[in-house]
């Protein structure tokens, strides 16, 4: 019986040592995967920083009219894609770290089995190792859940504000690429009027002056508002083909400057639509 017990003990030790070797190899491989994951996070971070710099530079160019808004929108979308890639890389790295923690816990468990015999301390260490394995499994499951939630968030597009979608260019089942326009959003609450005033009329106009708006589609209805802002340039500067007055070929024409009027008391049942014609009066005496 003693020989049988000794044989069983040696067999159990051999199995435990083999398990220890396998767990150590798995832990070493996990450390290498973590190094690769950290490299991916660093690369994604650099990509996001580069995309952000290009977006910020493009924003200044758009403000000066040197770059089209569509190109800026593409760079803005690239920043979003780079940010999502960074979050995905971080989630993947967290999952790798949790897996590595689990692998090292298995190493500890295997070591405890080698020293187990009838040692109470070894049994206690084994129980603790199993607890760490369970904790690592929980972390792995949580990391997998976070990654799934991140991927699920990519399937839903949320509008930045309330409104009505128009000019929709999508159909059910169509594949959408990053930066691809899918439609236009007409705001439901933020309604304003743009009036093209002569440059000679701007001398007495100020932000905050009251204004009255009469909509051609609703005779007899007057909506009140106030001057909100002035355009940074004349309307001709923002046209598709701005005038180029070469030397010796200049005809002076009174230019018009877009002025934005914010409406205050537009009735809720008054369906104002972009592009409608209005008559606009600004009280420049106040």
Protein backbone atom coordinates (compact mmCIF):
# COMPACT_ATOMS: atom_id res chain seq x y z
CA UNK A 1 0.00 0.00 0.00
CA UNK A 2 2.85 2.38 0.81
CA UNK A 3 4.49 1.65 -2.55
CA UNK A 4 1.19 2.25 -4.27
CA UNK A 5 0.74 5.48 -2.37
CA UNK A 6 4.33 6.51 -3.20
CA UNK A 7 3.80 5.68 -6.87
CA UNK A 8 0.59 7.64 -6.92
CA UNK A 9 2.32 10.54 -5.23
CA UNK A 10 5.18 10.50 -7.76
CA UNK A 11 2.71 10.19 -10.63
CA UNK A 12 0.72 13.09 -9.28
CA UNK A 13 3.92 15.11 -8.92
CA UNK A 14 4.96 14.33 -12.51
CA UNK A 15 1.54 15.40 -13.76
CA UNK A 16 1.73 18.55 -11.66
CA UNK A 17 5.22 19.38 -12.97
CA UNK A 18 4.04 18.86 -16.55
CA UNK A 19 1.09 21.15 -15.88
CA UNK A 20 3.48 23.71 -14.39
CA UNK A 21 5.67 23.62 -17.50
CA UNK A 22 2.66 24.04 -19.79
CA UNK A 23 1.24 26.89 -17.72
CA UNK A 24 4.63 28.66 -17.69
CA UNK A 25 4.86 28.37 -21.48
CA UNK A 26 1.34 29.79 -21.83
CA UNK A 27 2.18 32.68 -19.48
CA UNK A 28 5.32 33.49 -21.47
CA UNK A 29 3.31 33.54 -24.71
CA UNK A 30 0.72 35.80 -23.07
CA UNK A 31 3.43 38.31 -22.08
CA UNK A 32 4.53 38.47 -25.73
CA UNK A 33 0.92 39.08 -26.79
CA UNK A 34 0.65 41.90 -24.24
CA UNK A 35 3.77 43.53 -25.73
CA UNK A 36 2.17 43.33 -29.16
CA UNK A 37 -1.11 44.71 -27.78
CA UNK A 38 0.70 47.64 -26.17
CA UNK A 39 2.41 48.32 -29.50
CA UNK A 40 -1.00 48.36 -31.20
CA UNK A 41 -2.31 50.82 -28.61
CA UNK A 42 0.73 53.06 -29.14
CA UNK A 43 0.24 52.90 -32.91
CA UNK A 44 -3.48 53.67 -32.61
CA UNK A 45 -2.69 56.58 -30.28
CA UNK A 46 -0.20 58.00 -32.78
CA UNK A 47 -2.72 57.58 -35.59
CA UNK A 48 -5.38 59.44 -33.56
CA UNK A 49 -2.96 62.26 -32.73
CA UNK A 50 -1.97 62.58 -36.39
CA UNK A 51 -5.61 62.56 -37.51
CA UNK A 52 -6.45 65.19 -34.89
CA UNK A 53 -3.59 67.44 -36.04
CA UNK A 54 -4.70 67.12 -39.67
CA UNK A 55 -8.30 67.85 -38.66
CA UNK A 56 -7.31 70.96 -36.69
CA UNK A 57 -5.16 72.21 -39.54
CA UNK A 58 -7.99 71.59 -41.98
CA UNK A 59 -10.41 73.47 -39.73
CA UNK A 60 -8.28 76.60 -40.02
CA UNK A 61 -8.14 76.15 -43.79
CA UNK A 62 -11.93 75.78 -43.97
CA UNK A 63 -12.36 78.99 -41.95
CA UNK A 64 -10.21 80.84 -44.48
CA UNK A 65 -11.95 79.19 -47.43
CA UNK A 66 -8.80 77.36 -48.57
CA UNK A 67 -10.32 73.92 -48.06
CA UNK A 68 -13.72 72.46 -48.97
CA UNK A 69 -16.11 71.50 -46.18
CA UNK A 70 -16.44 68.00 -47.63
CA UNK A 71 -12.70 67.41 -47.23
CA UNK A 72 -12.89 68.65 -43.65
CA UNK A 73 -15.79 66.28 -42.98
CA UNK A 74 -13.66 63.39 -44.25
CA UNK A 75 -10.86 64.35 -41.85
CA UNK A 76 -13.40 64.67 -39.03
CA UNK A 77 -14.63 61.16 -39.83
CA UNK A 78 -11.02 59.93 -39.86
CA UNK A 79 -10.59 61.25 -36.31
CA UNK A 80 -13.70 59.34 -35.22
CA UNK A 81 -12.45 56.15 -36.89
CA UNK A 82 -9.00 56.55 -35.29
CA UNK A 83 -10.60 57.12 -31.88
CA UNK A 84 -12.73 54.01 -32.26
CA UNK A 85 -9.67 52.00 -33.33
CA UNK A 86 -7.81 53.22 -30.24
CA UNK A 87 -10.69 52.19 -27.96
CA UNK A 88 -10.84 48.79 -29.63
CA UNK A 89 -7.06 48.34 -29.21
CA UNK A 90 -7.33 49.27 -25.52
CA UNK A 91 -10.19 46.83 -25.01
CA UNK A 92 -8.18 44.10 -26.75
CA UNK A 93 -5.14 44.89 -24.56
CA UNK A 94 -7.32 44.69 -21.43
CA UNK A 95 -8.55 41.28 -22.54
CA UNK A 96 -4.95 40.14 -23.12
CA UNK A 97 -3.89 41.34 -19.67
CA UNK A 98 -6.79 39.51 -18.10
CA UNK A 99 -5.82 36.35 -20.00
CA UNK A 100 -2.21 36.77 -18.87
CA UNK A 101 -3.32 37.15 -15.27
CA UNK A 102 -5.26 33.94 -15.68
CA UNK A 103 -2.20 32.21 -17.17
CA UNK A 104 0.02 33.25 -14.26
CA UNK A 105 -2.65 32.13 -11.85
CA UNK A 106 -2.51 28.71 -13.51
CA UNK A 107 1.25 28.70 -12.99
CA UNK A 108 0.69 29.35 -9.31
CA UNK A 109 -1.96 26.64 -9.17
CA UNK A 110 0.35 24.12 -10.81
CA UNK A 111 3.17 25.06 -8.42
CA UNK A 112 0.82 24.55 -5.51
CA UNK A 113 -0.06 21.11 -6.81
CA UNK A 114 3.63 20.17 -6.96
CA UNK A 115 4.04 21.13 -3.33
CA UNK A 116 0.62 19.91 -2.27
CA UNK A 117 1.18 16.48 -0.65
CA UNK A 118 -0.38 16.80 2.75
CA UNK A 119 0.87 20.31 3.42
CA UNK A 120 -1.96 22.49 4.70
CA UNK A 121 -0.18 25.64 3.56
CA UNK A 122 0.01 24.22 0.04
CA UNK A 123 -3.72 23.50 0.12
CA UNK A 124 -4.40 27.06 1.21
CA UNK A 125 -2.17 28.41 -1.59
CA UNK A 126 -4.08 26.23 -4.05
CA UNK A 127 -7.38 27.66 -2.87
CA UNK A 128 -6.05 31.20 -3.26
CA UNK A 129 -4.74 30.40 -6.71
CA UNK A 130 -8.14 29.10 -7.72
CA UNK A 131 -9.69 32.28 -6.41
CA UNK A 132 -7.29 34.35 -8.55
CA UNK A 133 -8.16 32.18 -11.56
CA UNK A 134 -11.84 32.85 -10.97
CA UNK A 135 -11.15 36.58 -10.64
CA UNK A 136 -9.13 36.55 -13.85
CA UNK A 137 -11.98 34.76 -15.62
CA UNK A 138 -14.35 37.47 -14.42
CA UNK A 139 -12.00 40.16 -15.78
CA UNK A 140 -11.77 38.30 -19.08
CA UNK A 141 -15.55 38.12 -19.33
CA UNK A 142 -15.85 41.82 -18.45
CA UNK A 143 -13.28 42.77 -21.09
CA UNK A 144 -15.14 40.66 -23.68
CA UNK A 145 -18.40 42.35 -22.65
CA UNK A 146 -16.87 45.83 -22.99
CA UNK A 147 -15.48 44.96 -26.41
CA UNK A 148 -18.87 43.64 -27.53
CA UNK A 149 -20.57 46.81 -26.26
CA UNK A 150 -18.04 48.95 -28.15
CA UNK A 151 -18.65 47.04 -31.37
CA UNK A 152 -22.42 47.27 -30.83
CA UNK A 153 -22.17 51.06 -30.50
CA UNK A 154 -20.77 51.21 -34.04
CA UNK A 155 -24.09 49.90 -35.40
CA UNK A 156 -26.14 52.90 -34.25
CA UNK A 157 -25.85 56.44 -35.59
CA UNK A 158 -27.25 59.14 -33.28
CA UNK A 159 -28.27 62.54 -34.63
CA UNK A 160 -26.60 65.51 -32.87
CA UNK A 161 -29.99 67.21 -32.40
CA UNK A 162 -33.71 66.84 -33.06
CA UNK A 163 -34.83 67.35 -36.62
CA UNK A 164 -36.09 65.82 -39.84
CA UNK A 165 -33.90 63.65 -42.07
CA UNK A 166 -33.99 64.66 -45.73
CA UNK A 167 -32.09 63.72 -48.89
CA UNK A 168 -31.52 60.22 -47.54
CA UNK A 169 -29.12 58.35 -49.82
CA UNK A 170 -29.27 54.93 -48.16
CA UNK A 171 -31.35 51.80 -48.64
CA UNK A 172 -31.83 48.78 -46.41
CA UNK A 173 -28.83 46.45 -46.53
CA UNK A 174 -26.47 49.00 -48.11
CA UNK A 175 -22.86 49.04 -46.89
CA UNK A 176 -21.76 52.41 -45.47
CA UNK A 177 -18.12 53.54 -45.51
CA UNK A 178 -16.55 55.93 -42.98
CA UNK A 179 -17.14 59.54 -43.99
CA UNK A 180 -19.89 58.66 -46.49
CA UNK A 181 -22.82 61.14 -46.45
CA UNK A 182 -26.07 59.36 -45.58
CA UNK A 183 -28.48 62.29 -45.66
CA UNK A 184 -29.16 65.79 -44.38
CA UNK A 185 -30.69 66.79 -41.02
CA UNK A 186 -33.03 69.79 -40.90
CA UNK A 187 -33.08 71.09 -37.27
CA UNK A 188 -36.52 71.12 -35.67
CA UNK A 189 -35.82 73.70 -32.98
CA UNK A 190 -32.96 75.96 -34.03
CA UNK A 191 -34.64 78.07 -36.72
CA UNK A 192 -32.98 81.18 -38.10
CA UNK A 193 -33.18 83.55 -41.05
CA UNK A 194 -30.28 84.69 -43.19
CA UNK A 195 -30.69 88.15 -44.68
CA UNK A 196 -28.39 89.48 -47.41
CA UNK A 197 -27.95 93.16 -46.53
CA UNK A 198 -26.06 95.71 -48.58
CA UNK A 199 -22.66 96.56 -47.21
CA UNK A 200 -23.76 100.19 -46.98
CA UNK A 201 -26.50 99.16 -44.52
CA UNK A 202 -24.16 97.54 -41.99
CA UNK A 203 -22.77 100.74 -40.49
CA UNK A 204 -25.65 101.04 -38.01
CA UNK A 205 -26.38 97.34 -37.48
CA UNK A 206 -25.26 95.57 -34.28
CA UNK A 207 -25.63 92.15 -32.74
CA UNK A 208 -28.72 92.04 -30.53
CA UNK A 209 -30.82 94.56 -32.48
CA UNK A 210 -34.49 93.52 -32.83
CA UNK A 211 -35.80 92.27 -36.15
CA UNK A 212 -39.18 91.46 -37.71
CA UNK A 213 -39.68 88.65 -40.18
CA UNK A 214 -42.63 88.21 -42.54
CA UNK A 215 -42.82 84.85 -44.28
CA UNK A 216 -44.24 84.90 -47.82
CA UNK A 217 -45.89 81.52 -47.26
CA UNK A 218 -47.89 82.88 -44.27
CA UNK A 219 -49.33 86.31 -45.10
CA UNK A 220 -50.11 88.47 -42.09
CA UNK A 221 -47.86 86.50 -39.74
CA UNK A 222 -44.91 88.37 -38.20
CA UNK A 223 -42.16 86.62 -36.28
CA UNK A 224 -39.79 88.57 -34.03
CA UNK A 225 -36.08 87.93 -33.59
CA UNK A 226 -32.73 89.62 -33.15
CA UNK A 227 -29.44 89.98 -35.00
CA UNK A 228 -27.23 87.06 -33.99
CA UNK A 229 -24.11 87.35 -36.17
CA UNK A 230 -22.57 88.75 -39.32
CA UNK A 231 -20.84 86.70 -41.98
CA UNK A 232 -17.05 86.94 -42.10
CA UNK A 233 -17.18 87.83 -45.81
CA UNK A 234 -19.62 88.89 -48.49
CA UNK A 235 -21.83 86.35 -50.17
CA UNK A 236 -19.83 86.65 -53.37
CA UNK A 237 -16.68 85.42 -51.61
CA UNK A 238 -18.44 82.15 -50.70
CA UNK A 239 -20.01 81.59 -54.12
CA UNK A 240 -18.99 78.70 -56.33
CA UNK A 241 -17.10 81.04 -58.67
CA UNK A 242 -15.98 84.15 -56.73
CA UNK A 243 -15.47 87.25 -58.90
CA UNK A 244 -11.85 87.95 -59.82
CA UNK A 245 -11.42 91.62 -60.56
CA UNK A 246 -8.11 91.82 -62.35
CA UNK A 247 -6.11 95.05 -62.55
CA UNK A 248 -7.70 97.45 -65.03
CA UNK A 249 -10.97 95.50 -65.16
CA UNK A 250 -12.78 96.58 -62.00
CA UNK A 251 -16.43 97.60 -61.73
CA UNK A 252 -17.56 98.70 -58.29
CA UNK A 253 -20.74 96.90 -57.25
CA UNK A 254 -22.41 97.16 -53.85
CA UNK A 255 -21.82 93.83 -52.15
CA UNK A 256 -24.22 91.99 -49.88
CA UNK A 257 -23.26 90.47 -46.52
CA UNK A 258 -25.21 87.57 -44.99
CA UNK A 259 -26.64 88.46 -41.55
CA UNK A 260 -28.06 85.73 -39.34
CA UNK A 261 -31.28 86.50 -37.43
CA UNK A 262 -32.29 84.28 -34.51
CA UNK A 263 -36.07 83.89 -34.13
CA UNK A 264 -37.70 84.19 -30.69
CA UNK A 265 -41.41 83.54 -30.85
CA UNK A 266 -42.00 81.40 -33.93
CA UNK A 267 -45.37 79.62 -33.42
CA UNK A 268 -45.07 75.85 -33.03
CA UNK A 269 -47.62 75.32 -35.82
CA UNK A 270 -45.69 77.57 -38.21
CA UNK A 271 -43.88 75.15 -40.54
CA UNK A 272 -40.75 77.08 -41.50
CA UNK A 273 -38.63 75.29 -44.07
CA UNK A 274 -35.08 76.03 -45.29
CA UNK A 275 -35.12 78.04 -48.48
CA UNK A 276 -38.39 79.91 -47.86
CA UNK A 277 -38.61 83.56 -48.88
CA UNK A 278 -39.12 86.20 -46.20
CA UNK A 279 -39.15 89.97 -45.78
CA UNK A 280 -36.71 91.04 -43.09
CA UNK A 281 -36.62 94.33 -41.20
CA UNK A 282 -33.96 95.24 -38.62
CA UNK A 283 -34.51 98.12 -36.21
CA UNK A 284 -31.08 99.80 -36.37
CA UNK A 285 -32.12 102.58 -33.98
CA UNK A 286 -31.76 100.32 -30.92
